[in-house]
N, C-alpha and C. Protein backbone atom coordinates (compact mmCIF):
# COMPACT_ATOMS: atom_id res chain seq x y z
N MET A 1 -169.07 19.85 -86.73
CA MET A 1 -170.25 19.49 -86.00
C MET A 1 -169.97 19.44 -84.50
N LYS A 2 -168.75 19.08 -84.13
CA LYS A 2 -168.43 18.98 -82.71
C LYS A 2 -168.67 20.31 -82.00
N ALA A 3 -168.24 21.41 -82.62
CA ALA A 3 -168.45 22.72 -82.03
C ALA A 3 -169.94 23.01 -81.87
N LYS A 4 -170.72 22.63 -82.84
CA LYS A 4 -172.18 22.81 -82.76
C LYS A 4 -172.75 22.00 -81.61
N PHE A 5 -172.30 20.76 -81.45
CA PHE A 5 -172.81 19.91 -80.36
C PHE A 5 -172.42 20.49 -79.00
N ILE A 6 -171.21 21.02 -78.89
CA ILE A 6 -170.77 21.62 -77.63
C ILE A 6 -171.61 22.86 -77.33
N LYS A 7 -171.86 23.66 -78.35
CA LYS A 7 -172.68 24.86 -78.19
C LYS A 7 -174.10 24.50 -77.74
N LEU A 8 -174.59 23.36 -78.19
CA LEU A 8 -175.94 22.91 -77.82
C LEU A 8 -175.97 22.24 -76.44
N LYS A 9 -174.82 22.25 -75.75
CA LYS A 9 -174.71 21.76 -74.38
C LYS A 9 -174.90 20.26 -74.22
N TYR A 10 -174.37 19.49 -75.16
CA TYR A 10 -174.32 18.04 -74.98
C TYR A 10 -173.23 17.73 -73.97
N THR A 11 -173.43 16.72 -73.16
CA THR A 11 -172.44 16.35 -72.15
C THR A 11 -171.26 15.64 -72.81
N ALA A 12 -170.16 15.56 -72.08
CA ALA A 12 -168.97 14.87 -72.59
C ALA A 12 -169.29 13.41 -72.86
N GLU A 13 -170.11 12.80 -72.04
CA GLU A 13 -170.50 11.40 -72.24
C GLU A 13 -171.32 11.24 -73.52
N GLU A 14 -172.22 12.19 -73.79
CA GLU A 14 -173.01 12.14 -75.02
C GLU A 14 -172.12 12.36 -76.24
N LEU A 15 -171.13 13.23 -76.12
CA LEU A 15 -170.23 13.51 -77.24
C LEU A 15 -169.25 12.38 -77.51
N ASP A 16 -168.63 11.88 -76.46
CA ASP A 16 -167.54 10.92 -76.60
C ASP A 16 -167.96 9.47 -76.47
N GLY A 17 -169.18 9.22 -75.98
CA GLY A 17 -169.60 7.85 -75.74
C GLY A 17 -169.07 7.37 -74.40
N PHE A 18 -169.31 6.10 -74.12
CA PHE A 18 -168.87 5.54 -72.85
C PHE A 18 -168.78 4.03 -72.96
N ILE A 19 -168.23 3.40 -71.94
CA ILE A 19 -168.12 1.94 -71.90
C ILE A 19 -169.09 1.43 -70.85
N ASP A 20 -169.97 0.56 -71.27
CA ASP A 20 -170.96 -0.04 -70.38
C ASP A 20 -170.59 -1.50 -70.19
N GLY A 21 -169.84 -1.77 -69.12
CA GLY A 21 -169.34 -3.13 -68.90
C GLY A 21 -168.30 -3.47 -69.94
N GLU A 22 -168.63 -4.40 -70.83
CA GLU A 22 -167.72 -4.82 -71.90
C GLU A 22 -168.05 -4.15 -73.24
N VAL A 23 -169.13 -3.38 -73.29
CA VAL A 23 -169.62 -2.83 -74.55
C VAL A 23 -169.32 -1.33 -74.63
N GLU A 24 -168.71 -0.92 -75.74
CA GLU A 24 -168.45 0.50 -75.97
C GLU A 24 -169.66 1.12 -76.67
N ILE A 25 -170.21 2.15 -76.08
CA ILE A 25 -171.35 2.86 -76.65
C ILE A 25 -170.81 4.10 -77.36
N PRO A 26 -170.97 4.19 -78.68
CA PRO A 26 -170.42 5.34 -79.40
C PRO A 26 -171.17 6.63 -79.05
N GLY A 27 -170.45 7.75 -79.14
CA GLY A 27 -171.04 9.05 -78.87
C GLY A 27 -171.40 9.77 -80.16
N LEU A 28 -171.85 11.00 -80.02
CA LEU A 28 -172.25 11.80 -81.18
C LEU A 28 -171.08 12.04 -82.13
N ILE A 29 -169.89 12.21 -81.60
CA ILE A 29 -168.73 12.43 -82.46
C ILE A 29 -168.48 11.20 -83.33
N ASP A 30 -168.60 10.02 -82.76
CA ASP A 30 -168.44 8.78 -83.53
C ASP A 30 -169.52 8.67 -84.61
N HIS A 31 -170.74 8.99 -84.25
CA HIS A 31 -171.84 8.93 -85.22
C HIS A 31 -171.64 9.97 -86.34
N ALA A 32 -171.18 11.16 -85.97
CA ALA A 32 -170.95 12.20 -86.98
C ALA A 32 -169.85 11.79 -87.95
N TRP A 33 -168.74 11.19 -87.43
CA TRP A 33 -167.68 10.74 -88.32
C TRP A 33 -168.14 9.61 -89.22
N ALA A 34 -168.93 8.70 -88.68
CA ALA A 34 -169.46 7.61 -89.51
C ALA A 34 -170.32 8.18 -90.63
N TYR A 35 -171.09 9.21 -90.32
CA TYR A 35 -171.94 9.89 -91.31
C TYR A 35 -171.07 10.51 -92.41
N VAL A 36 -170.06 11.26 -92.03
CA VAL A 36 -169.19 11.93 -93.01
C VAL A 36 -168.39 10.93 -93.83
N LYS A 37 -167.96 9.84 -93.21
CA LYS A 37 -167.13 8.84 -93.90
C LYS A 37 -167.92 7.75 -94.60
N SER A 38 -169.22 7.91 -94.74
CA SER A 38 -170.05 6.91 -95.42
C SER A 38 -169.52 6.68 -96.82
N ASP A 39 -169.27 5.42 -97.17
CA ASP A 39 -168.68 5.14 -98.48
C ASP A 39 -169.70 4.73 -99.54
N THR A 40 -170.95 4.54 -99.17
CA THR A 40 -172.01 4.27 -100.14
C THR A 40 -173.24 5.11 -99.76
N VAL A 41 -174.12 5.29 -100.70
CA VAL A 41 -175.35 6.04 -100.43
C VAL A 41 -176.20 5.30 -99.39
N GLU A 42 -176.22 3.98 -99.46
CA GLU A 42 -176.99 3.20 -98.47
C GLU A 42 -176.42 3.39 -97.07
N ALA A 43 -175.09 3.37 -96.96
CA ALA A 43 -174.45 3.60 -95.65
C ALA A 43 -174.71 5.02 -95.18
N LEU A 44 -174.71 5.97 -96.11
CA LEU A 44 -175.00 7.36 -95.77
C LEU A 44 -176.38 7.49 -95.15
N GLU A 45 -177.37 6.88 -95.78
CA GLU A 45 -178.74 6.96 -95.26
C GLU A 45 -178.85 6.31 -93.89
N ALA A 46 -178.19 5.17 -93.71
CA ALA A 46 -178.22 4.49 -92.41
C ALA A 46 -177.50 5.30 -91.34
N ASN A 47 -176.31 5.83 -91.68
CA ASN A 47 -175.55 6.61 -90.71
C ASN A 47 -176.24 7.93 -90.37
N ARG A 48 -176.91 8.53 -91.35
CA ARG A 48 -177.67 9.75 -91.09
C ARG A 48 -178.80 9.46 -90.11
N ALA A 49 -179.51 8.36 -90.32
CA ALA A 49 -180.61 7.99 -89.43
C ALA A 49 -180.11 7.72 -88.01
N ILE A 50 -178.97 7.06 -87.88
CA ILE A 50 -178.40 6.79 -86.56
C ILE A 50 -178.01 8.09 -85.87
N LEU A 51 -177.38 9.00 -86.60
CA LEU A 51 -176.98 10.28 -86.03
C LEU A 51 -178.20 11.08 -85.59
N ILE A 52 -179.20 11.16 -86.44
CA ILE A 52 -180.40 11.91 -86.10
C ILE A 52 -181.08 11.32 -84.88
N GLN A 53 -181.11 10.00 -84.79
CA GLN A 53 -181.72 9.34 -83.64
C GLN A 53 -180.95 9.64 -82.35
N ALA A 54 -179.64 9.80 -82.43
CA ALA A 54 -178.82 10.06 -81.25
C ALA A 54 -178.94 11.50 -80.76
N LEU A 55 -179.41 12.40 -81.61
CA LEU A 55 -179.55 13.80 -81.23
C LEU A 55 -180.80 14.02 -80.38
N LYS A 56 -180.78 15.10 -79.62
CA LYS A 56 -181.97 15.51 -78.88
C LYS A 56 -183.04 15.89 -79.91
N VAL A 57 -184.29 15.73 -79.54
CA VAL A 57 -185.41 15.96 -80.46
C VAL A 57 -185.35 17.36 -81.08
N LYS A 58 -185.06 18.36 -80.27
CA LYS A 58 -185.03 19.73 -80.78
C LYS A 58 -183.89 19.99 -81.76
N ASP A 59 -182.87 19.13 -81.76
CA ASP A 59 -181.70 19.32 -82.63
C ASP A 59 -181.72 18.44 -83.87
N GLN A 60 -182.69 17.58 -84.01
CA GLN A 60 -182.71 16.63 -85.12
C GLN A 60 -182.88 17.32 -86.48
N THR A 61 -183.56 18.45 -86.53
CA THR A 61 -183.74 19.15 -87.80
C THR A 61 -182.44 19.77 -88.31
N TYR A 62 -181.46 19.96 -87.43
CA TYR A 62 -180.18 20.54 -87.85
C TYR A 62 -179.54 19.74 -88.98
N ILE A 63 -179.57 18.44 -88.88
CA ILE A 63 -178.96 17.59 -89.91
C ILE A 63 -179.74 17.72 -91.22
N SER A 64 -181.05 17.59 -91.15
CA SER A 64 -181.83 17.64 -92.39
C SER A 64 -181.84 19.03 -93.02
N GLN A 65 -181.82 20.07 -92.22
CA GLN A 65 -181.86 21.42 -92.78
C GLN A 65 -180.49 21.92 -93.23
N THR A 66 -179.44 21.54 -92.52
CA THR A 66 -178.12 22.09 -92.80
C THR A 66 -177.26 21.14 -93.62
N TRP A 67 -177.18 19.87 -93.23
CA TRP A 67 -176.20 18.98 -93.83
C TRP A 67 -176.67 18.20 -95.04
N VAL A 68 -177.93 17.88 -95.14
CA VAL A 68 -178.39 17.09 -96.28
C VAL A 68 -178.12 17.84 -97.59
N ALA A 69 -178.32 19.14 -97.58
CA ALA A 69 -178.06 19.94 -98.79
C ALA A 69 -176.58 20.00 -99.14
N LYS A 70 -175.70 19.79 -98.17
CA LYS A 70 -174.25 19.87 -98.39
C LYS A 70 -173.60 18.51 -98.60
N GLU A 71 -174.37 17.44 -98.52
CA GLU A 71 -173.79 16.10 -98.58
C GLU A 71 -172.97 15.86 -99.84
N HIS A 72 -173.43 16.35 -100.96
CA HIS A 72 -172.70 16.11 -102.22
C HIS A 72 -171.33 16.77 -102.22
N ARG A 73 -171.08 17.72 -101.31
CA ARG A 73 -169.79 18.39 -101.22
C ARG A 73 -168.92 17.89 -100.08
N THR A 74 -169.51 17.16 -99.12
CA THR A 74 -168.77 16.83 -97.90
C THR A 74 -168.68 15.35 -97.57
N ILE A 75 -169.61 14.55 -98.02
CA ILE A 75 -169.67 13.14 -97.62
C ILE A 75 -168.80 12.32 -98.56
N PHE A 76 -168.03 11.39 -97.98
CA PHE A 76 -167.02 10.63 -98.71
C PHE A 76 -167.56 9.88 -99.92
N CYS A 77 -168.75 9.32 -99.85
CA CYS A 77 -169.26 8.54 -100.99
C CYS A 77 -169.42 9.42 -102.24
N TYR A 78 -169.54 10.72 -102.07
CA TYR A 78 -169.60 11.63 -103.21
C TYR A 78 -168.22 12.21 -103.54
N THR A 79 -167.45 12.58 -102.54
CA THR A 79 -166.17 13.25 -102.79
C THR A 79 -165.08 12.30 -103.27
N LYS A 80 -165.23 11.01 -103.06
CA LYS A 80 -164.18 10.07 -103.49
C LYS A 80 -164.04 10.01 -105.00
N THR A 81 -165.02 10.51 -105.73
CA THR A 81 -164.95 10.51 -107.19
C THR A 81 -164.41 11.83 -107.77
N PHE A 82 -164.07 12.77 -106.91
CA PHE A 82 -163.54 14.07 -107.38
C PHE A 82 -162.16 13.89 -108.02
N ALA A 83 -161.76 14.87 -108.76
CA ALA A 83 -160.50 14.82 -109.51
C ALA A 83 -159.26 14.75 -108.61
N ASN A 84 -159.39 15.08 -107.35
CA ASN A 84 -158.22 15.00 -106.46
C ASN A 84 -158.03 13.57 -105.95
N LEU A 85 -158.56 12.61 -106.67
CA LEU A 85 -158.37 11.18 -106.43
C LEU A 85 -158.89 10.71 -105.07
N GLY A 86 -159.94 11.36 -104.61
CA GLY A 86 -160.58 10.90 -103.40
C GLY A 86 -159.92 11.35 -102.11
N ALA A 87 -158.96 12.27 -102.21
CA ALA A 87 -158.34 12.79 -100.98
C ALA A 87 -159.41 13.47 -100.16
N VAL A 88 -159.36 13.28 -98.86
CA VAL A 88 -160.40 13.87 -98.00
C VAL A 88 -160.00 15.24 -97.49
N ALA A 89 -158.83 15.74 -97.85
CA ALA A 89 -158.40 17.09 -97.50
C ALA A 89 -157.69 17.69 -98.71
N THR A 90 -157.82 18.98 -98.88
CA THR A 90 -157.16 19.63 -100.01
C THR A 90 -156.21 20.70 -99.55
């Protein structure tokens, strides 16, 4: 997803987040990892909503059109039950 975000011309601050005083504001990369690493379906839905909200309006359909159909193959809450004992890389 990072390559896609870079291609869509998101700034480094939007991608990596920033620190506002004492508070760290997560970037798109943080939101994307939280989405992929969701350990329950409820967390997946919440993380997907946060990621979609962080995207530019014109890019929000990318997640629903491209990634929702692939979630059962890529998101941790589904892959942790695979025969490779939940390893996140093969």
